[in-house]
């Protein structure tokens, strides 16, 4: 299920960030490389043993 769609760095995206809690995070959404973002909310978050594998087309 798709929850949202955006273009990183677009005027719409930047306007939404400016109105959000992330406006206080200077590095938020500034990287232009990579495809994965891990996010935690409301407290300390730890991640471990993360494995990333390519998705292959069904045969």
N, C-alpha and C. Protein backbone atom coordinates (compact mmCIF):
# COMPACT_ATOMS: atom_id res chain seq x y z
N UNK A 1 0.84 -1.17 0.00
CA UNK A 1 0.00 0.00 0.00
C UNK A 1 0.89 1.23 0.00
N UNK A 2 0.65 2.13 -0.90
CA UNK A 2 1.43 3.36 -1.00
C UNK A 2 0.83 4.41 -0.07
N UNK A 3 1.67 4.98 0.79
CA UNK A 3 1.21 5.99 1.73
C UNK A 3 1.49 7.40 1.26
N UNK A 4 2.56 7.58 0.50
CA UNK A 4 2.90 8.92 0.03
C UNK A 4 3.81 8.82 -1.18
N UNK A 5 3.92 9.91 -1.87
CA UNK A 5 4.78 10.01 -3.04
C UNK A 5 5.35 11.43 -3.05
N UNK A 6 6.65 11.55 -3.28
CA UNK A 6 7.26 12.88 -3.30
C UNK A 6 8.50 12.87 -4.17
N UNK A 7 8.94 14.04 -4.54
CA UNK A 7 10.19 14.21 -5.26
C UNK A 7 11.13 14.96 -4.32
N UNK A 8 12.18 14.28 -3.91
CA UNK A 8 13.14 14.87 -2.98
C UNK A 8 13.71 16.15 -3.55
N UNK A 9 13.63 17.24 -2.80
CA UNK A 9 14.18 18.52 -3.23
C UNK A 9 13.22 19.38 -4.04
N UNK A 10 12.03 18.86 -4.34
CA UNK A 10 11.06 19.66 -5.10
C UNK A 10 10.53 20.80 -4.22
N UNK A 11 9.92 21.79 -4.85
CA UNK A 11 9.35 22.91 -4.10
C UNK A 11 8.30 22.42 -3.12
N UNK A 12 7.46 21.47 -3.56
CA UNK A 12 6.42 20.93 -2.69
C UNK A 12 7.05 20.22 -1.49
N UNK A 13 8.06 19.40 -1.73
CA UNK A 13 8.72 18.67 -0.66
C UNK A 13 9.35 19.64 0.34
N UNK A 14 10.09 20.62 -0.17
CA UNK A 14 10.75 21.59 0.71
C UNK A 14 9.75 22.39 1.53
N UNK A 15 8.62 22.73 0.95
CA UNK A 15 7.58 23.46 1.68
C UNK A 15 7.00 22.60 2.80
N UNK A 16 6.81 21.32 2.52
CA UNK A 16 6.27 20.42 3.55
C UNK A 16 7.26 20.22 4.68
N UNK A 17 8.55 20.09 4.35
CA UNK A 17 9.58 19.96 5.39
C UNK A 17 9.63 21.22 6.24
N UNK A 18 9.51 22.39 5.60
CA UNK A 18 9.57 23.66 6.32
C UNK A 18 8.44 23.79 7.35
N UNK A 19 7.34 23.10 7.13
CA UNK A 19 6.20 23.15 8.04
C UNK A 19 6.20 21.99 9.04
N UNK A 20 7.21 21.14 8.98
CA UNK A 20 7.23 19.94 9.81
C UNK A 20 8.23 20.07 10.96
N UNK A 21 8.24 19.04 11.80
CA UNK A 21 9.20 18.99 12.90
C UNK A 21 10.63 18.82 12.41
N UNK A 22 10.80 18.41 11.15
CA UNK A 22 12.13 18.16 10.62
C UNK A 22 12.86 19.44 10.20
N UNK A 23 12.18 20.56 10.23
CA UNK A 23 12.81 21.83 9.86
C UNK A 23 14.01 22.14 10.77
N UNK A 24 14.01 21.60 11.99
CA UNK A 24 15.10 21.84 12.94
C UNK A 24 16.29 20.91 12.72
N UNK A 25 16.20 20.02 11.75
CA UNK A 25 17.27 19.06 11.48
C UNK A 25 17.98 19.49 10.19
N UNK A 26 19.14 20.15 10.31
CA UNK A 26 19.78 20.74 9.13
C UNK A 26 20.15 19.74 8.03
N UNK A 27 20.39 18.48 8.36
CA UNK A 27 20.78 17.51 7.35
C UNK A 27 19.62 16.68 6.81
N UNK A 28 18.40 16.97 7.25
CA UNK A 28 17.26 16.16 6.86
C UNK A 28 17.02 16.22 5.36
N UNK A 29 17.00 15.06 4.71
CA UNK A 29 16.69 14.91 3.28
C UNK A 29 17.65 15.70 2.39
N UNK A 30 18.90 15.83 2.81
CA UNK A 30 19.88 16.57 2.01
C UNK A 30 20.79 15.67 1.18
N UNK A 31 20.80 14.38 1.48
CA UNK A 31 21.65 13.46 0.73
C UNK A 31 21.01 13.15 -0.62
N UNK A 32 21.80 13.16 -1.65
CA UNK A 32 21.25 12.86 -2.97
C UNK A 32 21.70 11.49 -3.48
N UNK A 33 22.19 10.65 -2.57
CA UNK A 33 22.55 9.28 -2.93
C UNK A 33 21.86 8.32 -1.98
N UNK A 34 21.69 7.10 -2.41
CA UNK A 34 21.10 6.07 -1.57
C UNK A 34 19.62 5.90 -1.81
N UNK A 35 19.11 4.77 -1.34
CA UNK A 35 17.71 4.44 -1.57
C UNK A 35 16.99 4.05 -0.28
N UNK A 36 17.70 3.99 0.81
CA UNK A 36 17.14 3.47 2.04
C UNK A 36 17.26 4.49 3.15
N UNK A 37 16.20 4.63 3.91
CA UNK A 37 16.22 5.52 5.06
C UNK A 37 15.57 4.80 6.23
N UNK A 38 16.22 4.80 7.36
CA UNK A 38 15.67 4.20 8.56
C UNK A 38 15.27 5.32 9.50
N UNK A 39 14.09 5.20 10.06
CA UNK A 39 13.59 6.28 10.90
C UNK A 39 12.97 5.71 12.16
N UNK A 40 13.25 6.36 13.26
CA UNK A 40 12.61 6.03 14.52
C UNK A 40 11.89 7.27 15.01
N UNK A 41 10.94 7.07 15.87
CA UNK A 41 10.18 8.21 16.35
C UNK A 41 10.00 8.10 17.86
N UNK A 42 10.11 9.20 18.54
CA UNK A 42 9.83 9.29 19.97
C UNK A 42 10.81 8.50 20.83
N UNK A 43 12.07 8.80 20.73
CA UNK A 43 13.03 8.17 21.62
C UNK A 43 14.18 7.53 20.90
N UNK A 44 15.01 6.86 21.66
CA UNK A 44 16.20 6.23 21.12
C UNK A 44 15.83 5.00 20.30
N UNK A 45 16.50 4.85 19.17
CA UNK A 45 16.26 3.71 18.29
C UNK A 45 17.61 3.10 17.93
N UNK A 46 17.67 1.77 17.90
CA UNK A 46 18.88 1.06 17.50
C UNK A 46 18.52 0.06 16.42
N UNK A 47 19.39 -0.08 15.45
CA UNK A 47 19.21 -1.06 14.39
C UNK A 47 20.44 -1.95 14.39
N UNK A 48 20.24 -3.24 14.15
CA UNK A 48 21.37 -4.14 14.03
C UNK A 48 21.02 -5.29 13.10
N UNK A 49 22.06 -5.88 12.57
CA UNK A 49 21.91 -7.03 11.68
C UNK A 49 20.99 -6.75 10.50
N UNK A 50 21.13 -5.59 9.92
CA UNK A 50 20.31 -5.23 8.76
C UNK A 50 20.98 -5.82 7.53
N UNK A 51 20.21 -6.54 6.75
CA UNK A 51 20.71 -7.14 5.52
C UNK A 51 19.89 -6.59 4.36
N UNK A 52 20.58 -6.12 3.36
CA UNK A 52 19.91 -5.55 2.19
C UNK A 52 20.24 -6.42 0.99
N UNK A 53 19.20 -6.94 0.35
CA UNK A 53 19.37 -7.78 -0.82
C UNK A 53 18.60 -7.19 -1.98
N UNK A 54 19.07 -7.38 -3.17
CA UNK A 54 18.34 -6.88 -4.34
C UNK A 54 17.04 -7.65 -4.53
N UNK A 55 16.03 -6.97 -5.01
CA UNK A 55 14.76 -7.60 -5.34
C UNK A 55 14.85 -8.08 -6.77
N UNK A 56 14.61 -9.36 -6.96
CA UNK A 56 14.67 -9.91 -8.31
C UNK A 56 13.25 -10.09 -8.84
N UNK A 57 13.12 -9.97 -10.16
CA UNK A 57 11.82 -10.13 -10.79
C UNK A 57 11.34 -11.56 -10.66
N UNK A 58 10.03 -11.72 -10.48
CA UNK A 58 9.45 -13.06 -10.38
C UNK A 58 9.60 -13.79 -11.72
N UNK A 59 9.88 -15.07 -11.65
CA UNK A 59 10.08 -15.85 -12.88
C UNK A 59 8.92 -16.75 -13.14
